[in-house]
Amino acid sequence: MQTKITEIKHWDWLLVCGLICAPMTGLRIWKIGPAEVMCFVWGLRYFPRRYYRVNILTKFFFWFLLVMGIGTVIGYLRVPNQVILSDGVPWLYLGVIALAMYDGLKQNSLAYNELLLRTFSRGAVLWYLFLWGYSRWLNPKFFGAFLWYGGVRYTGGGSNPHQLAVLMCGLVFCFVRELVEGRTLGWNLLYFMGSIFIVGQTKSSTGYLALTLGAAVTLAVLTTRPLENSFRRGVLLLAEFLSVLLLVLLLHQWIFAVAMRWIESDPNGLGRLEIFSHIKSIFKLSPLFGLGPGEHSAINGNQIEFHNTYLEVLAATGLVGMMTLIIFTIQLIKRCRFDLILLAIVTAMYVYGFAGFAMRRLAYWGLIVFVLVLGEQITNAKLQREQHIQTKTS
């Protein structure tokens, strides 16, 4: 039996509402808005007395921020005009919130965390559908925040449509997971359709790519569900991956042509390629530790960010920072081994990073921490059941 929404603790509504409002960056003063305040206040219960515990997140943020600090010193020595120290502040904040979420959610039961994620997901879809209708029939602004970018791309109060699109791409697969598990199919189908609609209204080509690859991962995972043995599931997934890789190698010219047409269809597509091309010269300046936070690329003679999570990480933290992210990603994937549908959420988040700095968004870390905690709790529950069965049979 599912827990009723009314059973959410009053304090946890701060987290739920904060994550729902995360895309509304148009309401910020500097880098602080209602979402940042609500999540920070919620996290005060878990900071700093429990942060001494070593876990996957403390390791990642410790090493990532340390390397970024070293890179910042190198950046000031070599390209001081490119370093923007204030761009490092969101990383400190996101580290605090991610660690607080991890510690706070770990104290809850699995069922309660499922309820929190479900409430956050549904609340976000309802809120941004409401704002869409509000913007169409009443006012294109909400408390001073524009709800549309250029009048044609829905932002839901964000400074750009990507803030909202990255959240909705992740939530699409939260509802897919609910549907696969057979939970209130009718309602979850409606929420699923609502989240797809919102992504479409943002007109984010990166969002479409994230949904496509997330759907591919979902289909691959569903083919393994009939297999109870985890080793066999792993072998089948590996075989599917190698088959896709072989297909890509055989059709690489056609895929490249299609990709170029897709890039050219975006008004900023070719410009993004020009921005990306500067990574070679930046990487040579500090390959190990990067150059710290800032604007390390350029277009038309103006400094600009790379607009790509992985190039930005490479530019800011070098190979050491990138390796830190890779290790974190491998550990995150391992936590999903007993609920592989969670990988679709991770895929959507990571794919969105190819055309934007998704990793520096509150919504991104909100979903990633939920996946991490749920994955660990599901794994622990599975192992405990297996141990209990072994104990009874022995």
Protein backbone atom coordinates (compact mmCIF):
# COMPACT_ATOMS: atom_id res chain seq x y z
CA MET A 1 0.00 0.00 0.00
CA GLN A 2 1.37 3.45 -0.96
CA THR A 3 1.94 6.10 1.67
CA LYS A 4 -0.36 9.11 1.42
CA ILE A 5 1.15 12.43 0.39
CA THR A 6 -0.20 14.06 3.56
CA GLU A 7 2.23 11.93 5.56
CA ILE A 8 5.22 13.95 4.36
CA LYS A 9 6.88 15.68 7.30
CA HIS A 10 6.33 19.43 7.42
CA TRP A 11 10.06 20.16 7.30
CA ASP A 12 10.55 18.09 4.15
CA TRP A 13 8.13 20.27 2.22
CA LEU A 14 10.96 22.84 2.14
CA LEU A 15 13.05 20.40 0.14
CA VAL A 16 10.17 19.40 -2.14
CA CYS A 17 9.19 23.02 -2.88
CA GLY A 18 12.82 24.08 -3.23
CA LEU A 19 13.52 21.44 -5.87
CA ILE A 20 10.30 22.25 -7.71
CA CYS A 21 11.32 25.91 -7.93
CA ALA A 22 14.94 25.12 -8.90
CA PRO A 23 14.50 26.07 -12.60
CA MET A 24 13.06 29.51 -11.69
CA THR A 25 16.41 31.31 -11.86
CA GLY A 26 14.67 34.47 -13.10
CA LEU A 27 13.64 35.09 -9.48
CA ARG A 28 17.22 35.12 -8.23
CA ILE A 29 19.12 38.04 -6.77
CA TRP A 30 22.70 37.36 -7.92
CA LYS A 31 22.86 33.56 -7.57
CA ILE A 32 20.30 33.21 -4.78
CA GLY A 33 16.60 32.62 -5.30
CA PRO A 34 13.68 31.01 -3.43
CA ALA A 35 14.81 27.50 -4.39
CA GLU A 36 18.34 28.01 -3.10
CA VAL A 37 17.06 29.49 0.17
CA MET A 38 14.49 26.74 0.81
CA CYS A 39 16.95 23.91 0.11
CA PHE A 40 19.65 25.54 2.23
CA VAL A 41 17.32 26.08 5.19
CA TRP A 42 16.14 22.47 4.89
CA GLY A 43 19.76 21.28 4.83
CA LEU A 44 20.69 23.12 8.04
CA ARG A 45 19.48 20.10 10.00
CA TYR A 46 22.25 18.03 8.45
CA PHE A 47 25.12 20.53 8.29
CA PRO A 48 27.87 20.43 9.41
CA ARG A 49 27.84 17.85 12.19
CA ARG A 50 27.46 14.80 9.95
CA TYR A 51 29.70 15.81 7.02
CA TYR A 52 32.73 14.10 8.47
CA ARG A 53 31.32 10.80 7.24
CA VAL A 54 33.15 9.52 4.17
CA ASN A 55 30.82 8.52 1.37
CA ILE A 56 30.60 8.71 -2.40
CA LEU A 57 29.55 12.39 -2.35
CA THR A 58 32.06 13.62 0.24
CA LYS A 59 34.85 11.99 -1.77
CA PHE A 60 33.65 13.54 -5.02
CA PHE A 61 33.15 17.07 -3.75
CA PHE A 62 36.31 17.07 -1.64
CA TRP A 63 38.56 16.10 -4.53
CA PHE A 64 36.64 18.07 -7.16
CA LEU A 65 36.71 21.31 -5.19
CA LEU A 66 40.34 20.77 -4.16
CA VAL A 67 41.38 20.31 -7.79
CA MET A 68 39.30 23.31 -8.83
CA GLY A 69 41.11 25.36 -6.18
CA ILE A 70 44.50 24.32 -7.55
CA GLY A 71 43.26 25.07 -11.06
CA THR A 72 42.13 28.53 -9.95
CA VAL A 73 45.65 29.39 -8.76
CA ILE A 74 47.08 28.19 -12.08
CA GLY A 75 44.40 30.14 -13.95
CA TYR A 76 45.24 33.39 -12.14
CA LEU A 77 48.90 32.89 -13.02
CA ARG A 78 48.35 32.08 -16.70
CA VAL A 79 45.02 33.53 -17.87
CA PRO A 80 43.72 35.83 -15.11
CA ASN A 81 41.23 37.48 -17.48
CA GLN A 82 39.41 34.14 -17.90
CA VAL A 83 39.03 33.23 -14.22
CA ILE A 84 35.76 34.23 -12.52
CA LEU A 85 35.98 33.32 -8.86
CA SER A 86 32.25 33.87 -8.29
CA ASP A 87 31.52 31.01 -10.72
CA GLY A 88 33.02 28.68 -8.13
CA VAL A 89 30.50 29.72 -5.46
CA PRO A 90 27.64 27.59 -6.89
CA TRP A 91 29.87 24.53 -6.57
CA LEU A 92 30.32 25.15 -2.85
CA TYR A 93 26.57 25.61 -2.45
CA LEU A 94 25.73 22.52 -4.52
CA GLY A 95 28.19 20.49 -2.48
CA VAL A 96 26.50 21.59 0.75
CA ILE A 97 23.01 20.80 -0.57
CA ALA A 98 23.99 17.46 -2.14
CA LEU A 99 25.66 16.29 1.06
CA ALA A 100 22.73 17.49 3.18
CA MET A 101 20.26 15.70 0.89
CA TYR A 102 22.27 12.50 0.99
CA ASP A 103 22.54 12.52 4.77
CA GLY A 104 18.92 13.56 5.27
CA LEU A 105 17.41 11.08 2.82
CA LYS A 106 19.52 8.22 4.15
CA GLN A 107 17.76 8.62 7.49
CA ASN A 108 14.39 7.95 5.84
CA SER A 109 12.89 4.63 4.85
CA LEU A 110 12.90 3.58 1.20
CA ALA A 111 9.11 3.97 1.02
CA TYR A 112 9.29 7.52 2.38
CA ASN A 113 12.00 8.55 -0.08
CA GLU A 114 9.91 7.10 -2.93
CA LEU A 115 7.05 9.25 -1.66
CA LEU A 116 9.25 12.37 -1.57
CA LEU A 117 10.48 11.81 -5.13
CA ARG A 118 6.94 11.09 -6.35
CA THR A 119 5.59 14.25 -4.71
CA PHE A 120 8.43 16.39 -6.05
CA SER A 121 7.99 14.96 -9.57
CA ARG A 122 4.24 15.40 -9.69
CA GLY A 123 4.38 18.81 -8.04
CA ALA A 124 6.91 20.05 -10.58
CA VAL A 125 4.79 18.96 -13.56
CA LEU A 126 1.63 20.52 -12.09
CA TRP A 127 3.44 23.76 -11.22
CA TYR A 128 5.00 24.30 -14.64
CA LEU A 129 1.79 23.34 -16.43
CA PHE A 130 0.03 25.95 -14.29
CA LEU A 131 2.66 28.57 -15.15
CA TRP A 132 2.36 27.66 -18.84
CA GLY A 133 -1.38 28.31 -18.74
CA TYR A 134 -0.85 31.45 -16.65
CA SER A 135 1.63 32.78 -19.21
CA ARG A 136 -0.69 32.03 -22.13
CA TRP A 137 -3.89 33.50 -20.76
CA LEU A 138 -2.87 36.03 -18.08
CA ASN A 139 0.70 37.34 -18.05
CA PRO A 140 4.02 36.29 -19.68
CA LYS A 141 5.82 37.26 -16.45
CA PHE A 142 5.55 35.86 -12.94
CA PHE A 143 6.70 38.19 -10.14
CA GLY A 144 9.05 39.83 -12.62
CA ALA A 145 10.47 36.56 -14.03
CA PHE A 146 9.88 35.98 -17.74
CA LEU A 147 8.10 32.70 -18.47
CA TRP A 148 9.18 32.61 -22.13
CA TYR A 149 12.57 33.07 -23.78
CA GLY A 150 12.26 35.30 -26.82
CA GLY A 151 8.52 34.74 -26.69
CA VAL A 152 8.83 31.27 -28.27
CA ARG A 153 10.59 28.96 -25.79
CA TYR A 154 8.97 28.20 -22.45
CA THR A 155 11.25 28.73 -19.44
CA GLY A 156 8.87 28.51 -16.49
CA GLY A 157 10.59 31.51 -14.92
CA GLY A 158 14.15 30.48 -15.72
CA SER A 159 16.78 32.71 -17.28
CA ASN A 160 16.84 30.25 -20.19
CA PRO A 161 14.78 27.19 -21.22
CA HIS A 162 17.54 24.73 -20.30
CA GLN A 163 16.95 25.25 -16.57
CA LEU A 164 13.48 23.76 -16.95
CA ALA A 165 14.29 21.24 -19.68
CA VAL A 166 17.02 19.48 -17.70
CA LEU A 167 14.63 18.97 -14.77
CA MET A 168 11.78 17.70 -16.94
CA CYS A 169 14.03 15.30 -18.87
CA GLY A 170 14.92 13.63 -15.59
CA LEU A 171 11.32 13.62 -14.37
CA VAL A 172 10.10 11.96 -17.58
CA PHE A 173 12.02 8.84 -16.54
CA CYS A 174 10.87 9.11 -12.95
CA PHE A 175 7.36 8.59 -14.35
CA VAL A 176 8.61 5.87 -16.71
CA ARG A 177 9.94 4.08 -13.63
CA GLU A 178 6.56 4.44 -11.91
CA LEU A 179 4.82 3.05 -15.01
CA VAL A 180 7.21 0.11 -15.29
CA GLU A 181 6.60 -0.73 -11.64
CA GLY A 182 2.83 -0.58 -12.26
CA ARG A 183 2.12 2.22 -9.77
CA THR A 184 -1.18 4.09 -10.39
CA LEU A 185 -0.83 3.70 -14.15
CA GLY A 186 -3.51 6.20 -15.15
CA TRP A 187 -2.19 9.13 -13.12
CA ASN A 188 1.46 8.43 -13.90
CA LEU A 189 0.69 8.25 -17.62
CA LEU A 190 -0.86 11.71 -17.40
CA TYR A 191 2.13 13.11 -15.49
CA PHE A 192 4.46 11.44 -18.01
CA MET A 193 2.62 13.11 -20.88
CA GLY A 194 2.68 16.43 -19.03
CA SER A 195 6.46 16.30 -18.56
CA ILE A 196 6.95 15.42 -22.25
CA PHE A 197 4.73 18.37 -23.19
CA ILE A 198 6.80 20.77 -21.09
CA VAL A 199 10.06 19.57 -22.66
CA GLY A 200 8.47 20.18 -26.05
CA GLN A 201 7.50 23.71 -25.05
CA THR A 202 11.11 24.51 -24.14
CA LYS A 203 12.07 23.57 -27.73
CA SER A 204 15.37 22.20 -26.40
CA SER A 205 17.12 20.07 -29.02
CA THR A 206 19.40 18.79 -26.26
CA GLY A 207 16.30 17.80 -24.33
CA TYR A 208 15.07 15.74 -27.27
CA LEU A 209 18.44 13.98 -27.42
CA ALA A 210 18.35 13.31 -23.67
CA LEU A 211 14.87 11.81 -23.97
CA THR A 212 15.88 9.67 -26.95
CA LEU A 213 18.93 8.16 -25.28
CA GLY A 214 17.10 7.79 -21.98
CA ALA A 215 14.39 5.87 -23.82
CA ALA A 216 17.04 3.67 -25.45
CA VAL A 217 18.46 2.83 -22.02
CA THR A 218 14.95 2.09 -20.75
CA LEU A 219 14.29 -0.35 -23.61
CA ALA A 220 17.65 -2.04 -23.04
CA VAL A 221 16.89 -2.42 -19.34
CA LEU A 222 13.38 -3.78 -19.94
CA THR A 223 14.79 -6.63 -22.03
CA THR A 224 16.78 -7.78 -18.99
CA ARG A 225 13.93 -7.72 -16.46
CA PRO A 226 12.80 -11.33 -17.09
CA LEU A 227 16.28 -12.51 -16.04
CA GLU A 228 16.56 -12.97 -12.28
CA ASN A 229 20.29 -13.60 -12.26
CA SER A 230 22.20 -10.30 -12.05
CA PHE A 231 25.21 -11.78 -13.88
CA ARG A 232 23.04 -12.80 -16.84
CA ARG A 233 21.43 -9.36 -16.88
CA GLY A 234 24.89 -7.79 -17.00
CA VAL A 235 25.97 -10.06 -19.85
CA LEU A 236 22.84 -9.24 -21.85
CA LEU A 237 23.31 -5.50 -21.31
CA LEU A 238 26.94 -5.78 -22.39
CA ALA A 239 25.90 -7.71 -25.50
CA GLU A 240 23.32 -5.03 -26.32
CA PHE A 241 25.89 -2.28 -25.83
CA LEU A 242 28.43 -4.00 -28.07
CA SER A 243 25.75 -4.56 -30.73
CA VAL A 244 24.86 -0.86 -30.71
CA LEU A 245 28.56 0.04 -30.84
CA LEU A 246 29.05 -2.22 -33.86
CA LEU A 247 26.03 -0.66 -35.56
CA VAL A 248 27.43 2.82 -34.92
CA LEU A 249 30.77 1.81 -36.45
CA LEU A 250 29.05 0.41 -39.54
CA LEU A 251 26.79 3.45 -39.99
CA HIS A 252 29.17 6.14 -38.73
CA GLN A 253 29.09 8.20 -41.95
CA TRP A 254 25.29 8.28 -42.04
CA ILE A 255 25.13 9.04 -38.30
CA PHE A 256 27.65 11.87 -38.73
CA ALA A 257 25.59 13.37 -41.58
CA VAL A 258 22.38 13.17 -39.54
CA ALA A 259 24.14 14.68 -36.51
CA MET A 260 25.44 17.60 -38.57
CA ARG A 261 21.98 18.29 -39.99
CA TRP A 262 20.57 18.20 -36.46
CA ILE A 263 23.27 20.61 -35.22
CA GLU A 264 22.73 22.96 -38.14
CA SER A 265 18.97 22.99 -37.47
CA ASP A 266 19.66 24.69 -34.14
CA PRO A 267 20.32 28.45 -34.54
CA ASN A 268 23.20 28.12 -32.06
CA GLY A 269 24.37 24.71 -33.26
CA LEU A 270 27.38 25.66 -35.38
CA GLY A 271 28.28 28.36 -32.88
CA ARG A 272 28.48 25.68 -30.19
CA LEU A 273 30.99 23.76 -32.32
CA GLU A 274 33.13 26.88 -32.56
CA ILE A 275 32.96 27.27 -28.78
CA PHE A 276 33.89 23.62 -28.26
CA SER A 277 36.90 23.87 -30.60
CA HIS A 278 38.81 26.08 -28.14
CA ILE A 279 39.28 23.23 -25.66
CA LYS A 280 42.57 22.16 -27.29
CA SER A 281 44.39 25.42 -26.59
CA ILE A 282 42.92 25.70 -23.07
CA PHE A 283 43.77 22.10 -22.20
CA LYS A 284 47.42 22.64 -23.14
CA LEU A 285 47.77 25.45 -20.57
CA SER A 286 46.99 23.18 -17.61
CA PRO A 287 46.17 19.58 -18.55
CA LEU A 288 46.20 18.11 -15.02
CA PHE A 289 44.36 20.67 -12.87
CA GLY A 290 42.65 22.99 -15.34
CA LEU A 291 42.31 26.75 -14.97
CA GLY A 292 39.57 27.09 -12.36
CA PRO A 293 36.02 28.42 -12.84
CA GLY A 294 35.40 31.07 -15.45
CA GLU A 295 34.95 31.71 -19.15
CA HIS A 296 37.67 29.79 -20.94
CA SER A 297 36.27 29.60 -24.47
CA ALA A 298 35.54 32.39 -26.93
CA ILE A 299 33.25 33.28 -29.82
CA ASN A 300 33.59 36.35 -32.04
CA GLY A 301 36.42 37.54 -29.79
CA ASN A 302 34.32 37.43 -26.61
CA GLN A 303 35.04 35.16 -23.65
CA ILE A 304 32.35 32.59 -22.95
CA GLU A 305 31.78 29.28 -21.15
CA PHE A 306 32.07 26.06 -23.14
CA HIS A 307 28.34 25.29 -22.79
CA ASN A 308 29.28 21.65 -22.31
CA THR A 309 29.52 20.02 -18.89
CA TYR A 310 32.43 17.78 -19.75
CA LEU A 311 34.51 20.38 -21.59
CA GLU A 312 33.81 22.80 -18.75
CA VAL A 313 34.97 20.25 -16.18
CA LEU A 314 38.09 19.58 -18.26
CA ALA A 315 38.83 23.31 -18.60
CA ALA A 316 38.20 24.09 -14.92
CA THR A 317 39.71 20.99 -13.26
CA GLY A 318 41.77 19.20 -15.94
CA LEU A 319 42.31 15.48 -16.19
CA VAL A 320 42.33 14.99 -12.42
CA GLY A 321 38.90 16.61 -12.06
CA MET A 322 37.54 14.64 -15.00
CA MET A 323 38.82 11.41 -13.49
CA THR A 324 37.07 12.35 -10.23
CA LEU A 325 33.81 12.73 -12.14
CA ILE A 326 34.33 9.42 -13.98
CA ILE A 327 34.96 7.55 -10.72
CA PHE A 328 31.85 9.11 -9.18
CA THR A 329 29.81 8.11 -12.24
CA ILE A 330 30.98 4.49 -12.09
CA GLN A 331 30.08 4.32 -8.40
CA LEU A 332 26.68 5.88 -9.10
CA ILE A 333 25.95 3.31 -11.81
CA LYS A 334 26.92 0.48 -9.47
CA ARG A 335 24.32 1.71 -6.97
CA CYS A 336 21.61 1.22 -9.62
CA ARG A 337 22.31 -2.45 -10.30
CA PHE A 338 19.13 -3.70 -8.58
CA ASP A 339 16.88 -1.03 -10.13
CA LEU A 340 18.27 -0.42 -13.60
CA ILE A 341 15.46 1.94 -14.61
CA LEU A 342 17.21 4.51 -12.42
CA LEU A 343 19.93 4.50 -15.09
CA ALA A 344 17.50 6.17 -17.50
CA ILE A 345 17.28 9.18 -15.15
CA VAL A 346 21.08 9.30 -14.90
CA THR A 347 21.37 9.02 -18.69
CA ALA A 348 19.03 11.96 -19.27
CA MET A 349 21.01 14.12 -16.82
CA TYR A 350 24.37 13.19 -18.29
CA VAL A 351 23.30 13.53 -21.93
CA TYR A 352 21.93 17.00 -21.26
CA GLY A 353 25.42 17.98 -20.18
CA PHE A 354 26.67 17.74 -23.77
CA ALA A 355 25.14 21.11 -24.66
CA GLY A 356 25.06 22.91 -21.35
CA PHE A 357 26.54 22.99 -17.86
CA ALA A 358 23.77 20.79 -16.42
CA MET A 359 26.01 19.70 -13.55
CA ARG A 360 25.94 23.19 -12.10
CA ARG A 361 22.19 23.20 -11.64
CA LEU A 362 20.28 22.51 -8.43
CA ALA A 363 17.72 20.31 -10.22
CA TYR A 364 20.53 18.09 -11.53
CA TRP A 365 21.94 17.33 -8.09
CA GLY A 366 18.47 16.95 -6.61
CA LEU A 367 17.71 14.09 -9.00
CA ILE A 368 21.20 12.57 -8.84
CA VAL A 369 21.10 12.38 -5.03
CA PHE A 370 17.64 10.81 -5.11
CA VAL A 371 18.94 8.18 -7.54
CA LEU A 372 22.00 7.57 -5.39
CA VAL A 373 20.06 7.13 -2.14
CA LEU A 374 17.28 5.03 -3.69
CA GLY A 375 19.86 2.85 -5.41
CA GLU A 376 21.69 2.23 -2.13
CA GLN A 377 18.51 1.54 -0.18
CA ILE A 378 17.17 -0.84 -2.83
CA THR A 379 20.51 -2.65 -2.91
CA ASN A 380 20.59 -2.97 0.87
CA ALA A 381 17.01 -4.26 0.94
CA LYS A 382 17.79 -6.80 -1.77
CA LEU A 383 20.92 -8.06 -0.02
CA GLN A 384 19.11 -8.30 3.32
CA ARG A 385 16.35 -10.39 1.74
CA GLU A 386 18.88 -12.71 0.14
CA GLN A 387 20.73 -13.05 3.44
CA HIS A 388 17.46 -13.78 5.25
CA ILE A 389 16.58 -16.49 2.72
CA GLN A 390 20.03 -18.05 3.04
CA THR A 391 19.71 -18.02 6.84
CA LYS A 392 16.32 -19.77 6.72
CA THR A 393 17.53 -22.46 4.30
CA SER A 394 20.77 -23.21 6.17
